[in-house]
Structures are given as structure tokens and as C-alpha cells.
N, C-alpha and C. Protein backbone atom coordinates (compact mmCIF):
# COMPACT_ATOMS: atom_id res chain seq x y z
N UNK A 1 -83.39 -34.80 34.65
CA UNK A 1 -82.36 -33.84 34.78
C UNK A 1 -83.03 -32.49 34.60
N UNK A 2 -82.78 -31.54 35.49
CA UNK A 2 -83.41 -30.25 35.31
C UNK A 2 -82.58 -29.43 34.28
N UNK A 3 -83.23 -28.34 33.93
CA UNK A 3 -82.49 -27.48 32.88
C UNK A 3 -81.35 -26.85 33.39
N UNK A 4 -81.19 -26.57 34.74
CA UNK A 4 -80.03 -25.91 35.28
C UNK A 4 -78.89 -26.87 35.75
N UNK A 5 -79.13 -28.18 35.50
CA UNK A 5 -78.07 -29.16 35.87
C UNK A 5 -76.83 -28.89 34.99
N UNK A 6 -75.73 -29.07 35.68
CA UNK A 6 -74.46 -28.88 35.03
C UNK A 6 -74.08 -30.31 34.44
N UNK A 7 -73.44 -30.28 33.24
CA UNK A 7 -73.05 -31.35 32.49
C UNK A 7 -71.60 -31.31 32.10
N UNK A 8 -70.98 -32.45 31.96
CA UNK A 8 -69.65 -32.47 31.49
C UNK A 8 -69.60 -32.39 29.96
N UNK A 9 -68.41 -32.63 29.32
CA UNK A 9 -68.32 -32.39 27.86
C UNK A 9 -69.06 -33.50 27.13
N UNK A 10 -69.42 -34.63 27.81
CA UNK A 10 -70.09 -35.70 27.14
C UNK A 10 -71.61 -35.56 27.32
N UNK A 11 -72.13 -34.52 27.92
CA UNK A 11 -73.51 -34.41 28.11
C UNK A 11 -74.00 -35.08 29.33
N UNK A 12 -73.12 -35.71 30.15
CA UNK A 12 -73.62 -36.46 31.34
C UNK A 12 -73.56 -35.43 32.51
N UNK A 13 -74.49 -35.80 33.46
CA UNK A 13 -74.58 -34.94 34.65
C UNK A 13 -73.32 -35.09 35.47
N UNK A 14 -72.81 -34.00 35.99
CA UNK A 14 -71.58 -33.94 36.76
C UNK A 14 -71.80 -34.72 38.12
N UNK A 15 -70.76 -35.36 38.62
CA UNK A 15 -70.83 -36.15 39.85
C UNK A 15 -69.63 -35.79 40.70
N UNK A 16 -69.89 -35.78 41.99
CA UNK A 16 -68.88 -35.57 42.99
C UNK A 16 -68.88 -36.65 44.03
N UNK A 17 -67.70 -37.17 44.47
CA UNK A 17 -67.75 -38.09 45.54
C UNK A 17 -67.00 -37.52 46.73
N UNK A 18 -67.62 -37.42 47.88
CA UNK A 18 -67.03 -37.00 49.05
C UNK A 18 -66.45 -38.13 49.88
N UNK A 19 -65.39 -37.83 50.62
CA UNK A 19 -64.76 -38.82 51.49
C UNK A 19 -64.31 -38.13 52.74
N UNK A 20 -64.08 -38.78 53.71
CA UNK A 20 -63.52 -38.24 55.04
C UNK A 20 -64.31 -38.79 56.24
N UNK A 21 -63.67 -38.97 57.31
CA UNK A 21 -64.36 -39.57 58.47
C UNK A 21 -63.41 -39.93 59.58
N UNK A 22 -63.99 -40.57 60.58
CA UNK A 22 -63.17 -40.89 61.77
C UNK A 22 -63.69 -40.04 62.88
N UNK A 23 -63.87 -38.75 62.69
CA UNK A 23 -64.43 -37.79 63.63
C UNK A 23 -65.31 -36.77 62.82
N UNK A 24 -66.18 -36.10 63.62
CA UNK A 24 -67.13 -35.15 63.01
C UNK A 24 -66.36 -34.07 62.18
N UNK A 25 -65.15 -33.76 62.73
CA UNK A 25 -64.40 -32.62 62.02
C UNK A 25 -64.04 -33.03 60.59
N UNK A 26 -64.07 -34.28 60.24
CA UNK A 26 -63.80 -34.66 58.88
C UNK A 26 -65.04 -35.03 58.12
N UNK A 27 -66.13 -34.79 58.71
CA UNK A 27 -67.48 -35.05 58.03
C UNK A 27 -68.35 -33.94 57.81
N UNK A 28 -68.55 -33.11 58.95
CA UNK A 28 -69.44 -32.01 58.88
C UNK A 28 -69.24 -30.92 57.79
N UNK A 29 -67.91 -30.65 57.53
CA UNK A 29 -67.67 -29.68 56.45
C UNK A 29 -68.14 -30.25 55.08
N UNK A 30 -68.01 -31.57 54.93
CA UNK A 30 -68.46 -32.21 53.72
C UNK A 30 -70.02 -32.06 53.58
N UNK A 31 -70.68 -32.38 54.73
CA UNK A 31 -72.15 -32.27 54.86
C UNK A 31 -72.60 -30.83 54.44
N UNK A 32 -71.82 -29.86 54.93
CA UNK A 32 -72.12 -28.40 54.63
C UNK A 32 -72.20 -28.16 53.09
N UNK A 33 -71.47 -28.96 52.39
CA UNK A 33 -71.30 -28.69 50.96
C UNK A 33 -72.32 -29.48 50.08
N UNK A 34 -72.98 -30.50 50.69
CA UNK A 34 -73.94 -31.32 49.83
C UNK A 34 -74.94 -30.40 49.07
N UNK A 35 -75.66 -29.57 49.76
CA UNK A 35 -76.68 -28.75 49.12
C UNK A 35 -76.15 -27.93 48.08
N UNK A 36 -75.03 -27.30 48.22
CA UNK A 36 -74.42 -26.36 47.29
C UNK A 36 -74.08 -27.15 45.99
N UNK A 37 -73.50 -28.38 46.15
CA UNK A 37 -73.26 -29.10 44.91
C UNK A 37 -74.49 -29.66 44.25
N UNK A 38 -75.47 -30.05 45.07
CA UNK A 38 -76.68 -30.66 44.41
C UNK A 38 -77.43 -29.51 43.72
N UNK A 39 -77.53 -28.27 44.23
CA UNK A 39 -78.09 -27.14 43.66
C UNK A 39 -77.35 -26.68 42.37
N UNK A 40 -76.09 -27.02 42.33
CA UNK A 40 -75.35 -26.71 41.11
C UNK A 40 -75.43 -27.79 40.03
N UNK A 41 -76.21 -28.81 40.35
CA UNK A 41 -76.53 -29.87 39.34
C UNK A 41 -75.76 -31.13 39.47
N UNK A 42 -74.91 -31.28 40.56
CA UNK A 42 -74.09 -32.48 40.78
C UNK A 42 -74.90 -33.56 41.34
N UNK A 43 -74.59 -34.81 41.01
CA UNK A 43 -75.01 -36.01 41.75
C UNK A 43 -73.88 -36.17 42.82
N UNK A 44 -74.34 -36.45 44.04
CA UNK A 44 -73.38 -36.57 45.21
C UNK A 44 -73.42 -37.99 45.77
N UNK A 45 -72.19 -38.57 46.04
CA UNK A 45 -72.12 -39.85 46.68
C UNK A 45 -70.97 -39.71 47.75
N UNK A 46 -70.88 -40.63 48.70
CA UNK A 46 -69.94 -40.56 49.77
C UNK A 46 -69.26 -42.01 49.96
N UNK A 47 -67.95 -41.94 50.14
CA UNK A 47 -67.18 -43.16 50.51
C UNK A 47 -66.71 -42.94 51.92
N UNK A 48 -66.91 -43.86 52.86
CA UNK A 48 -66.53 -43.70 54.19
C UNK A 48 -66.22 -45.11 54.84
N UNK A 49 -66.16 -45.20 56.10
CA UNK A 49 -65.89 -46.41 56.79
C UNK A 49 -67.07 -47.31 56.92
N UNK A 50 -66.83 -48.56 57.28
CA UNK A 50 -67.92 -49.49 57.57
C UNK A 50 -68.41 -49.40 58.99
N UNK A 51 -69.56 -50.02 59.17
CA UNK A 51 -70.07 -49.94 60.60
C UNK A 51 -70.94 -48.69 60.74
N UNK A 52 -71.33 -48.42 62.06
CA UNK A 52 -72.15 -47.32 62.33
C UNK A 52 -71.33 -46.05 62.54
N UNK A 53 -70.70 -45.58 61.38
CA UNK A 53 -69.83 -44.34 61.46
C UNK A 53 -70.56 -43.04 61.37
N UNK A 54 -69.95 -42.01 61.86
CA UNK A 54 -70.65 -40.71 61.79
C UNK A 54 -70.86 -40.22 60.38
N UNK A 55 -69.95 -40.65 59.43
CA UNK A 55 -70.07 -40.21 58.08
C UNK A 55 -71.24 -41.03 57.38
N UNK A 56 -71.39 -42.30 57.75
CA UNK A 56 -72.52 -43.05 57.17
C UNK A 56 -73.81 -42.51 57.67
N UNK A 57 -73.96 -42.19 58.91
CA UNK A 57 -75.19 -41.63 59.46
C UNK A 57 -75.53 -40.40 58.77
N UNK A 58 -74.54 -39.45 58.75
CA UNK A 58 -74.89 -38.10 58.24
C UNK A 58 -75.12 -38.18 56.69
N UNK A 59 -74.41 -38.95 55.97
CA UNK A 59 -74.67 -39.04 54.51
C UNK A 59 -76.19 -39.61 54.31
N UNK A 60 -76.59 -40.54 55.00
CA UNK A 60 -77.89 -41.13 54.85
C UNK A 60 -78.92 -40.23 55.33
N UNK A 61 -78.76 -39.55 56.45
CA UNK A 61 -79.68 -38.51 56.86
C UNK A 61 -79.91 -37.40 55.86
N UNK A 62 -78.89 -37.19 54.91
CA UNK A 62 -79.05 -36.16 53.99
C UNK A 62 -79.26 -36.73 52.63
N UNK A 63 -79.74 -37.94 52.58
CA UNK A 63 -80.18 -38.59 51.29
C UNK A 63 -78.98 -38.82 50.26
N UNK A 64 -77.80 -38.95 50.80
CA UNK A 64 -76.64 -39.17 49.93
C UNK A 64 -76.25 -40.53 49.77
N UNK A 65 -76.04 -41.09 48.67
CA UNK A 65 -75.60 -42.52 48.48
C UNK A 65 -74.33 -42.74 49.11
N UNK A 66 -74.21 -43.85 49.85
CA UNK A 66 -73.08 -44.08 50.75
C UNK A 66 -72.44 -45.49 50.44
N UNK A 67 -71.09 -45.49 50.41
CA UNK A 67 -70.38 -46.80 50.31
C UNK A 67 -69.45 -46.84 51.45
N UNK A 68 -69.38 -47.98 52.06
CA UNK A 68 -68.44 -48.19 53.15
C UNK A 68 -67.33 -49.15 52.85
N UNK A 69 -66.18 -48.81 53.20
CA UNK A 69 -64.95 -49.68 53.06
C UNK A 69 -64.18 -49.82 54.28
N UNK A 70 -63.53 -50.96 54.41
CA UNK A 70 -62.70 -51.22 55.66
C UNK A 70 -61.48 -50.26 55.74
N UNK A 71 -61.29 -49.62 56.83
CA UNK A 71 -60.17 -48.73 57.05
C UNK A 71 -59.46 -49.04 58.36
N UNK A 72 -58.21 -48.65 58.49
CA UNK A 72 -57.38 -48.93 59.73
C UNK A 72 -56.76 -47.60 60.04
N UNK A 73 -56.82 -47.15 61.22
CA UNK A 73 -56.12 -45.86 61.63
C UNK A 73 -54.67 -46.26 62.12
N UNK A 74 -53.76 -45.43 61.77
CA UNK A 74 -52.41 -45.52 62.31
C UNK A 74 -52.39 -45.00 63.75
N UNK A 75 -52.01 -45.96 64.60
CA UNK A 75 -51.90 -45.65 66.10
C UNK A 75 -50.46 -45.40 66.49
N UNK A 76 -50.22 -44.11 66.91
CA UNK A 76 -48.80 -43.70 67.22
C UNK A 76 -48.53 -44.14 68.67
N UNK A 77 -48.14 -45.45 68.79
CA UNK A 77 -47.75 -46.01 70.04
C UNK A 77 -46.98 -47.28 69.76
N UNK A 78 -46.10 -47.59 70.76
CA UNK A 78 -45.30 -48.89 70.67
C UNK A 78 -45.97 -50.00 71.47
N UNK A 79 -47.19 -49.89 71.88
CA UNK A 79 -47.83 -50.94 72.69
C UNK A 79 -48.06 -52.16 71.72
N UNK A 80 -48.15 -53.35 72.25
CA UNK A 80 -48.36 -54.49 71.48
C UNK A 80 -49.60 -54.38 70.59
N UNK A 81 -50.72 -53.88 71.14
CA UNK A 81 -52.00 -53.82 70.35
C UNK A 81 -51.86 -52.70 69.20
N UNK A 82 -51.12 -51.67 69.43
CA UNK A 82 -50.85 -50.59 68.42
C UNK A 82 -50.00 -51.28 67.33
N UNK A 83 -48.93 -51.93 67.74
CA UNK A 83 -48.10 -52.53 66.73
C UNK A 83 -48.92 -53.53 65.81
N UNK A 84 -49.71 -54.29 66.48
CA UNK A 84 -50.55 -55.30 65.74
C UNK A 84 -51.49 -54.56 64.77
N UNK A 85 -52.05 -53.50 65.26
CA UNK A 85 -52.93 -52.73 64.37
C UNK A 85 -52.11 -52.17 63.18
N UNK A 86 -50.98 -51.54 63.47
CA UNK A 86 -50.25 -50.95 62.44
C UNK A 86 -49.70 -51.89 61.37
N UNK A 87 -49.45 -53.09 61.82
CA UNK A 87 -48.89 -54.05 60.93
C UNK A 87 -49.99 -54.59 59.93
N UNK A 88 -51.20 -54.34 60.35
CA UNK A 88 -52.27 -54.83 59.54
C UNK A 88 -52.74 -53.74 58.46
N UNK A 89 -52.14 -52.57 58.60
CA UNK A 89 -52.54 -51.47 57.73
C UNK A 89 -52.20 -51.70 56.14
N UNK A 90 -51.11 -52.18 55.78
CA UNK A 90 -50.88 -52.42 54.41
C UNK A 90 -51.79 -53.36 53.76
N UNK A 91 -52.17 -54.44 54.43
CA UNK A 91 -53.18 -55.40 53.82
C UNK A 91 -54.52 -54.77 53.68
N UNK A 92 -54.96 -54.10 54.88
CA UNK A 92 -56.34 -53.55 54.87
C UNK A 92 -56.42 -52.41 53.89
N UNK A 93 -55.36 -51.58 53.83
CA UNK A 93 -55.41 -50.41 52.90
C UNK A 93 -55.40 -50.84 51.47
N UNK A 94 -54.64 -51.91 51.09
CA UNK A 94 -54.67 -52.45 49.73
C UNK A 94 -56.05 -52.91 49.35
N UNK A 95 -56.72 -53.68 50.34
CA UNK A 95 -58.07 -54.17 50.07
C UNK A 95 -59.01 -52.99 49.90
N UNK A 96 -58.86 -51.98 50.73
CA UNK A 96 -59.82 -50.84 50.61
C UNK A 96 -59.65 -50.04 49.37
N UNK A 97 -58.42 -49.93 48.97
CA UNK A 97 -58.10 -49.18 47.70
C UNK A 97 -58.90 -49.93 46.52
N UNK A 98 -58.73 -51.20 46.51
CA UNK A 98 -59.34 -51.96 45.45
C UNK A 98 -60.94 -51.84 45.41
N UNK A 99 -61.47 -51.81 46.70
CA UNK A 99 -62.91 -51.56 46.83
C UNK A 99 -63.27 -50.23 46.37
N UNK A 100 -62.49 -49.22 46.63
CA UNK A 100 -62.72 -47.82 46.19
C UNK A 100 -62.56 -47.71 44.71
N UNK A 101 -61.68 -48.36 44.15
CA UNK A 101 -61.47 -48.44 42.68
C UNK A 101 -62.80 -48.83 42.01
N UNK A 102 -63.42 -49.90 42.65
CA UNK A 102 -64.58 -50.46 42.02
C UNK A 102 -65.78 -49.44 42.16
N UNK A 103 -65.84 -48.80 43.35
CA UNK A 103 -66.83 -47.80 43.58
C UNK A 103 -66.72 -46.65 42.56
N UNK A 104 -65.53 -46.18 42.47
CA UNK A 104 -65.33 -45.02 41.57
C UNK A 104 -65.54 -45.42 40.08
N UNK A 105 -65.25 -46.56 39.70
CA UNK A 105 -65.52 -46.94 38.32
C UNK A 105 -66.98 -47.01 38.05
N UNK A 106 -67.73 -47.37 39.19
CA UNK A 106 -69.21 -47.53 39.02
C UNK A 106 -69.77 -46.07 39.06
N UNK A 107 -69.36 -45.23 39.92
CA UNK A 107 -69.93 -43.84 40.08
C UNK A 107 -69.41 -42.89 38.99
N UNK A 108 -68.19 -43.16 38.54
CA UNK A 108 -67.48 -42.19 37.50
C UNK A 108 -67.68 -40.74 37.82
N UNK A 109 -67.03 -40.41 38.99
CA UNK A 109 -67.23 -39.00 39.40
C UNK A 109 -66.15 -38.08 38.63
N UNK A 110 -66.48 -36.77 38.51
CA UNK A 110 -65.66 -35.80 37.84
C UNK A 110 -64.56 -35.45 38.86
N UNK A 111 -64.83 -35.45 40.15
CA UNK A 111 -63.90 -35.05 41.13
C UNK A 111 -64.19 -35.71 42.41
N UNK A 112 -63.17 -35.94 43.23
CA UNK A 112 -63.27 -36.44 44.59
C UNK A 112 -62.85 -35.31 45.56
N UNK A 113 -63.76 -35.13 46.56
CA UNK A 113 -63.45 -34.08 47.58
C UNK A 113 -63.05 -34.76 48.94
N UNK A 114 -61.92 -34.62 49.43
CA UNK A 114 -61.44 -35.29 50.61
C UNK A 114 -61.38 -34.37 51.69
N UNK A 115 -61.98 -34.59 52.91
CA UNK A 115 -61.84 -33.83 54.14
C UNK A 115 -60.83 -34.35 55.07
N UNK A 116 -60.14 -35.42 54.59
CA UNK A 116 -59.04 -35.96 55.37
C UNK A 116 -59.51 -36.95 56.40
N UNK A 117 -58.62 -37.39 57.26
CA UNK A 117 -58.84 -38.48 58.19
C UNK A 117 -58.47 -39.77 57.53
N UNK A 118 -58.09 -40.81 58.39
CA UNK A 118 -57.67 -41.96 57.81
C UNK A 118 -58.71 -42.65 56.85
N UNK A 119 -59.99 -42.41 57.08
CA UNK A 119 -61.04 -42.97 56.26
C UNK A 119 -60.89 -42.51 54.87
N UNK A 120 -60.35 -41.26 54.53
CA UNK A 120 -60.28 -40.81 53.19
C UNK A 120 -59.20 -41.45 52.43
N UNK A 121 -58.19 -41.86 52.98
CA UNK A 121 -56.95 -42.33 52.22
C UNK A 121 -57.25 -43.40 51.14
N UNK A 122 -57.93 -44.46 51.28
CA UNK A 122 -58.27 -45.35 50.21
C UNK A 122 -58.82 -44.72 49.00
N UNK A 123 -59.75 -43.92 49.27
CA UNK A 123 -60.50 -43.18 48.20
C UNK A 123 -59.55 -42.30 47.44
N UNK A 124 -58.70 -41.57 48.12
CA UNK A 124 -57.72 -40.77 47.42
C UNK A 124 -56.82 -41.44 46.55
N UNK A 125 -56.30 -42.61 47.06
CA UNK A 125 -55.39 -43.46 46.36
C UNK A 125 -55.98 -44.12 45.17
N UNK A 126 -57.24 -44.50 45.36
CA UNK A 126 -58.05 -45.17 44.31
C UNK A 126 -58.29 -44.12 43.09
N UNK A 127 -58.66 -42.86 43.51
CA UNK A 127 -58.78 -41.76 42.52
C UNK A 127 -57.57 -41.53 41.74
N UNK A 128 -56.50 -41.47 42.43
CA UNK A 128 -55.20 -41.33 41.72
C UNK A 128 -54.84 -42.42 40.69
N UNK A 129 -55.21 -43.72 41.07
CA UNK A 129 -55.07 -44.77 40.06
C UNK A 129 -55.91 -44.57 38.82
N UNK A 130 -57.05 -43.94 39.10
CA UNK A 130 -58.06 -43.72 37.98
C UNK A 130 -57.94 -42.41 37.30
N UNK A 131 -56.89 -41.62 37.64
CA UNK A 131 -56.75 -40.26 37.18
C UNK A 131 -57.89 -39.37 37.37
N UNK A 132 -58.59 -39.49 38.52
CA UNK A 132 -59.67 -38.64 38.84
C UNK A 132 -59.22 -37.47 39.68
N UNK A 133 -59.38 -36.28 39.37
CA UNK A 133 -58.87 -35.13 40.18
C UNK A 133 -59.38 -35.18 41.72
N UNK A 134 -58.51 -34.87 42.52
CA UNK A 134 -58.80 -34.83 44.01
C UNK A 134 -58.63 -33.44 44.59
N UNK A 135 -59.56 -33.01 45.34
CA UNK A 135 -59.44 -31.76 46.10
C UNK A 135 -59.42 -32.10 47.62
N UNK A 136 -58.43 -31.75 48.27
CA UNK A 136 -58.31 -32.05 49.70
C UNK A 136 -58.43 -30.80 50.61
N UNK A 137 -59.35 -30.80 51.49
CA UNK A 137 -59.51 -29.62 52.40
C UNK A 137 -58.89 -29.92 53.84
N UNK A 138 -58.15 -28.96 54.28
CA UNK A 138 -57.52 -29.13 55.58
C UNK A 138 -57.91 -27.98 56.57
N UNK A 139 -58.45 -28.25 57.65
CA UNK A 139 -58.94 -27.31 58.66
C UNK A 139 -57.85 -26.86 59.63
N UNK A 140 -56.87 -27.63 59.86
CA UNK A 140 -55.89 -27.41 60.94
C UNK A 140 -54.62 -26.60 60.40
N UNK A 141 -53.83 -26.23 61.29
CA UNK A 141 -52.65 -25.47 60.94
C UNK A 141 -51.65 -26.15 60.14
N UNK A 142 -51.65 -27.49 60.43
CA UNK A 142 -50.74 -28.40 59.63
C UNK A 142 -51.51 -29.44 58.99
N UNK A 143 -50.91 -30.03 57.86
CA UNK A 143 -51.64 -31.10 57.18
C UNK A 143 -51.75 -32.37 57.96
N UNK A 144 -52.92 -32.98 58.07
CA UNK A 144 -53.01 -34.37 58.55
C UNK A 144 -52.27 -35.35 57.66
N UNK A 145 -51.96 -36.49 58.15
CA UNK A 145 -51.29 -37.52 57.39
C UNK A 145 -51.93 -37.85 56.04
N UNK A 146 -53.29 -38.10 56.19
CA UNK A 146 -54.00 -38.39 54.91
C UNK A 146 -53.97 -37.34 53.86
N UNK A 147 -54.04 -36.10 54.32
CA UNK A 147 -53.95 -34.97 53.33
C UNK A 147 -52.60 -34.71 52.88
N UNK A 148 -51.54 -35.11 53.75
CA UNK A 148 -50.14 -35.05 53.20
C UNK A 148 -49.94 -35.99 52.14
N UNK A 149 -50.49 -37.11 52.20
CA UNK A 149 -50.33 -38.19 51.23
C UNK A 149 -51.11 -37.76 49.95
N UNK A 150 -52.39 -37.12 50.20
CA UNK A 150 -53.13 -36.64 49.04
C UNK A 150 -52.37 -35.59 48.23
N UNK A 151 -51.72 -34.67 48.96
CA UNK A 151 -50.99 -33.70 48.35
C UNK A 151 -49.83 -34.21 47.60
N UNK A 152 -49.14 -35.19 48.15
CA UNK A 152 -47.95 -35.85 47.38
C UNK A 152 -48.46 -36.55 46.19
N UNK A 153 -49.77 -36.86 46.11
CA UNK A 153 -50.34 -37.56 44.98
C UNK A 153 -50.94 -36.59 43.93
N UNK A 154 -50.72 -35.37 44.17
CA UNK A 154 -51.23 -34.27 43.21
C UNK A 154 -52.43 -33.65 43.44
N UNK A 155 -53.11 -33.87 44.71
CA UNK A 155 -54.35 -33.22 44.98
C UNK A 155 -54.22 -31.68 45.12
N UNK A 156 -55.26 -31.04 44.74
CA UNK A 156 -55.38 -29.67 44.95
C UNK A 156 -55.74 -29.40 46.40
N UNK A 157 -54.91 -28.65 47.20
CA UNK A 157 -55.15 -28.52 48.59
C UNK A 157 -55.78 -27.17 49.01
N UNK A 158 -56.88 -27.20 49.67
CA UNK A 158 -57.54 -26.00 50.21
C UNK A 158 -57.31 -25.91 51.68
N UNK A 159 -57.31 -24.76 52.25
CA UNK A 159 -57.13 -24.57 53.61
C UNK A 159 -58.09 -23.59 54.27
N UNK A 160 -58.37 -23.83 55.48
CA UNK A 160 -59.32 -23.00 56.22
C UNK A 160 -58.73 -21.84 57.02
N UNK A 161 -57.48 -22.02 57.28
CA UNK A 161 -56.78 -21.02 58.25
C UNK A 161 -55.70 -20.24 57.42
N UNK A 162 -55.60 -18.88 57.43
CA UNK A 162 -54.68 -18.09 56.74
C UNK A 162 -53.28 -18.35 57.28
N UNK A 163 -53.26 -18.88 58.55
CA UNK A 163 -51.95 -19.02 59.20
C UNK A 163 -51.44 -20.49 59.07
N UNK A 164 -51.99 -21.32 58.27
CA UNK A 164 -51.57 -22.64 58.06
C UNK A 164 -50.13 -22.72 57.58
N UNK A 165 -49.44 -23.73 57.96
CA UNK A 165 -47.99 -23.82 57.61
C UNK A 165 -47.81 -24.47 56.32
N UNK A 166 -48.70 -24.81 55.53
CA UNK A 166 -48.69 -25.43 54.28
C UNK A 166 -49.13 -24.64 53.13
N UNK A 167 -48.72 -24.94 51.89
CA UNK A 167 -49.24 -24.16 50.77
C UNK A 167 -50.66 -24.70 50.40
N UNK A 168 -51.54 -23.86 50.08
CA UNK A 168 -52.88 -24.21 49.75
C UNK A 168 -53.74 -23.04 49.36
N UNK A 169 -54.82 -23.23 48.83
CA UNK A 169 -55.72 -22.21 48.52
C UNK A 169 -56.64 -21.90 49.63
N UNK A 170 -56.67 -20.64 50.10
CA UNK A 170 -57.42 -20.24 51.32
C UNK A 170 -58.98 -20.12 50.92
N UNK A 171 -59.76 -20.92 51.58
CA UNK A 171 -61.13 -20.83 51.25
C UNK A 171 -62.08 -20.75 52.53
N UNK A 172 -61.43 -20.88 53.72
CA UNK A 172 -62.21 -20.91 54.84
C UNK A 172 -62.80 -22.32 55.13
N UNK A 173 -63.63 -22.33 56.22
CA UNK A 173 -64.28 -23.62 56.56
C UNK A 173 -65.69 -23.77 56.17
N UNK A 174 -66.09 -24.69 55.42
CA UNK A 174 -67.52 -24.81 55.13
C UNK A 174 -68.40 -25.11 56.34
N UNK A 175 -69.39 -24.33 56.57
CA UNK A 175 -70.26 -24.40 57.74
C UNK A 175 -71.65 -24.62 57.28
N UNK A 176 -72.35 -25.54 58.03
CA UNK A 176 -73.75 -25.86 57.71
C UNK A 176 -74.63 -24.64 57.90
N UNK A 177 -75.60 -24.49 57.06
CA UNK A 177 -76.51 -23.35 57.16
C UNK A 177 -77.51 -23.34 58.36
N UNK A 178 -77.69 -24.55 58.81
CA UNK A 178 -78.60 -24.64 59.97
C UNK A 178 -77.98 -24.14 61.32
N UNK A 179 -76.63 -23.94 61.34
CA UNK A 179 -76.01 -23.38 62.46
C UNK A 179 -76.31 -22.01 62.63
N UNK A 180 -76.78 -21.37 61.54
CA UNK A 180 -77.07 -19.78 61.56
C UNK A 180 -78.64 -19.68 61.70
N UNK A 181 -79.30 -20.78 61.64
CA UNK A 181 -80.88 -20.58 61.71
C UNK A 181 -81.42 -21.03 63.10
N UNK A 182 -80.54 -21.38 64.00
CA UNK A 182 -81.05 -21.75 65.31
C UNK A 182 -81.62 -20.60 66.11
N UNK A 183 -82.54 -20.93 66.95
CA UNK A 183 -83.19 -19.89 67.78
C UNK A 183 -82.27 -19.74 69.07
N UNK A 184 -81.83 -18.40 69.25
CA UNK A 184 -80.78 -18.28 70.25
C UNK A 184 -81.42 -18.58 71.71
N UNK A 185 -82.62 -18.13 71.99
CA UNK A 185 -83.15 -18.35 73.28
C UNK A 185 -83.38 -19.84 73.58
N UNK A 186 -83.80 -20.59 72.52
CA UNK A 186 -84.00 -22.01 72.68
C UNK A 186 -82.66 -22.73 72.88
N UNK A 187 -81.64 -22.30 72.16
CA UNK A 187 -80.29 -22.80 72.29
C UNK A 187 -79.72 -22.70 73.68
N UNK A 188 -79.87 -21.50 74.26
CA UNK A 188 -79.44 -21.16 75.61
C UNK A 188 -80.19 -22.15 76.61
N UNK A 189 -81.49 -22.27 76.45
CA UNK A 189 -82.24 -23.12 77.29
C UNK A 189 -81.80 -24.52 77.17
N UNK A 190 -81.55 -25.10 75.90
CA UNK A 190 -81.17 -26.38 75.71
C UNK A 190 -79.85 -26.78 76.33
N UNK A 191 -78.91 -25.72 76.29
CA UNK A 191 -77.65 -25.87 76.89
C UNK A 191 -77.55 -25.73 78.41
N UNK A 192 -78.62 -25.31 78.91
CA UNK A 192 -78.77 -25.08 80.33
C UNK A 192 -78.05 -23.87 80.94
N UNK A 193 -77.80 -22.90 80.09
CA UNK A 193 -77.02 -21.68 80.48
C UNK A 193 -77.96 -20.74 81.14
N UNK A 194 -77.55 -20.40 82.38
CA UNK A 194 -78.37 -19.35 83.19
C UNK A 194 -77.63 -18.02 82.94
N UNK A 195 -78.56 -17.07 82.57
CA UNK A 195 -78.01 -15.72 82.27
C UNK A 195 -78.83 -14.60 82.84
N UNK A 196 -79.08 -14.49 84.15
CA UNK A 196 -79.97 -13.58 84.72
C UNK A 196 -79.66 -12.04 84.41
N UNK A 197 -78.30 -11.77 84.20
CA UNK A 197 -78.01 -10.35 83.93
C UNK A 197 -78.22 -9.99 82.51
N UNK A 198 -78.63 -10.99 81.57
CA UNK A 198 -78.84 -10.65 80.23
C UNK A 198 -77.61 -10.30 79.33
N UNK A 199 -76.44 -10.61 79.87
CA UNK A 199 -75.17 -10.27 79.19
C UNK A 199 -75.00 -11.21 77.94
N UNK A 200 -74.23 -10.67 76.99
CA UNK A 200 -73.99 -11.51 75.80
C UNK A 200 -73.18 -12.71 76.18
N UNK A 201 -73.37 -13.86 75.55
CA UNK A 201 -72.82 -15.09 75.79
C UNK A 201 -71.96 -15.57 74.71
N UNK A 202 -70.64 -15.90 75.17
CA UNK A 202 -69.76 -16.50 74.20
C UNK A 202 -69.49 -17.93 74.44
N UNK A 203 -69.80 -18.79 73.47
CA UNK A 203 -69.67 -20.24 73.58
C UNK A 203 -68.35 -20.69 72.82
N UNK A 204 -67.57 -21.32 73.60
CA UNK A 204 -66.28 -21.76 73.04
C UNK A 204 -66.33 -23.29 73.00
N UNK A 205 -65.99 -23.97 71.89
CA UNK A 205 -65.95 -25.35 71.75
C UNK A 205 -64.50 -25.85 71.59
N UNK A 206 -64.12 -26.94 72.09
CA UNK A 206 -62.75 -27.49 71.85
C UNK A 206 -62.83 -28.39 70.62
N UNK A 207 -61.68 -28.89 70.35
CA UNK A 207 -61.68 -29.84 69.20
C UNK A 207 -61.91 -31.29 69.48
N UNK A 208 -62.17 -32.12 68.52
CA UNK A 208 -62.31 -33.54 68.75
C UNK A 208 -63.39 -33.80 69.71
N UNK A 209 -63.17 -34.70 70.73
CA UNK A 209 -64.18 -35.12 71.66
C UNK A 209 -64.60 -33.93 72.61
N UNK A 210 -63.64 -32.91 72.68
CA UNK A 210 -63.87 -31.69 73.40
C UNK A 210 -65.06 -30.93 72.91
N UNK A 211 -65.40 -31.14 71.62
CA UNK A 211 -66.58 -30.37 70.96
C UNK A 211 -67.80 -31.01 71.22
């Protein structure tokens, strides 16, 4: 432990567990915070989905300890496959919460940071069972279902947008530092953008798969 490491009242190094997944929008803001918390002296771990998920890949690429649990996404449809999926949610969620309780008991984090998405829900519910504080960050104008549940369970809610329709602490959106370190000319070349006039270029990205 370095001299500038932060410690709790028992002299142990502070620890944070991140959760969130399903899409990059629920993962990349977490990744942007890894370095800040590690530099502040925290041990960092991540709980996400099983399989080759984006959160698993990014956590491991950044040297963060990763735990995978089974999760099921609510499908808003009345199709037979959607109904079959949704009927399995209570069983899968209950099993996932138990797995997360075991992980949290092992890691003993001081706080859980949730970026939302269906992947985060078991960890949030497990943290509530163990009286571990939860901080939930929402990027959108309205709370997603997982963050709605987190808020109902007493989580501290942070928001990225000043025009959001829910109460929360305005903090903006965590962005990875490497986004600001890219070489402009190389990026334009990589994207295949032709700009013979030399005018300024504005790049607009959509959400979800549009990004």
C-alpha cells in the first residue's frame, strides 16, 4: 500500500465495485473512472454479465478484477419468445443476487457504483441486502429501469444532463482521457473523411448501435 492510499476507519484500503453493462453506454463511463479511483487509493473490481460481454472485455483490458453473473434483460414485447424470457427473470435474478451477495461479501467494498442497464440490477439489490452504499449514474433524460429500482432502494443518483426529468446530483458524463489525446489528422484518415477544403469537421454519433 502506498503512502497516499486512502483508508477506511479500520485502516483497510478503500474498495469500489463497479457494475453496469449490456451496451457500451453502460460501461465506458465506468472505465473512465477506473484511473481516478485507483489514483485515489481505491481497489477496483467489476461485476457484470457472463460470456464475452463488453464490460468483461474492458475490465480485463484495464487490469480490473472481474466477476460475471447470469442476467436476463426485460423484453418489452408480447411475442412468445419475449414472454418466455420475461417469465424466467425472477428465477435468474434471484440466483444472480445470491451470486452478487457472495462476491460483495468477499470483496467488502465501501461503495458500489452502478452505471445502470439490466446487468447492474443484481449487484444493486445485493448491495442493498448488505447495507453497502450505492451510487447510480444516469446519462439519459429519464431514469432507466435498473436505475429507477436503484433509486427506490435508496441509491444516491447522479445525472449527466441538467435537463433530466428526475432528481439527482448533476455531475456530467465521465469521459475517457484517451478521447482527448487522439491525433486529429490520423482520426480523420481512419474514418475515411475527405476534406479538401480544410473546413472544420463536426462528428455526430447516435446512441446505442448507432454509435
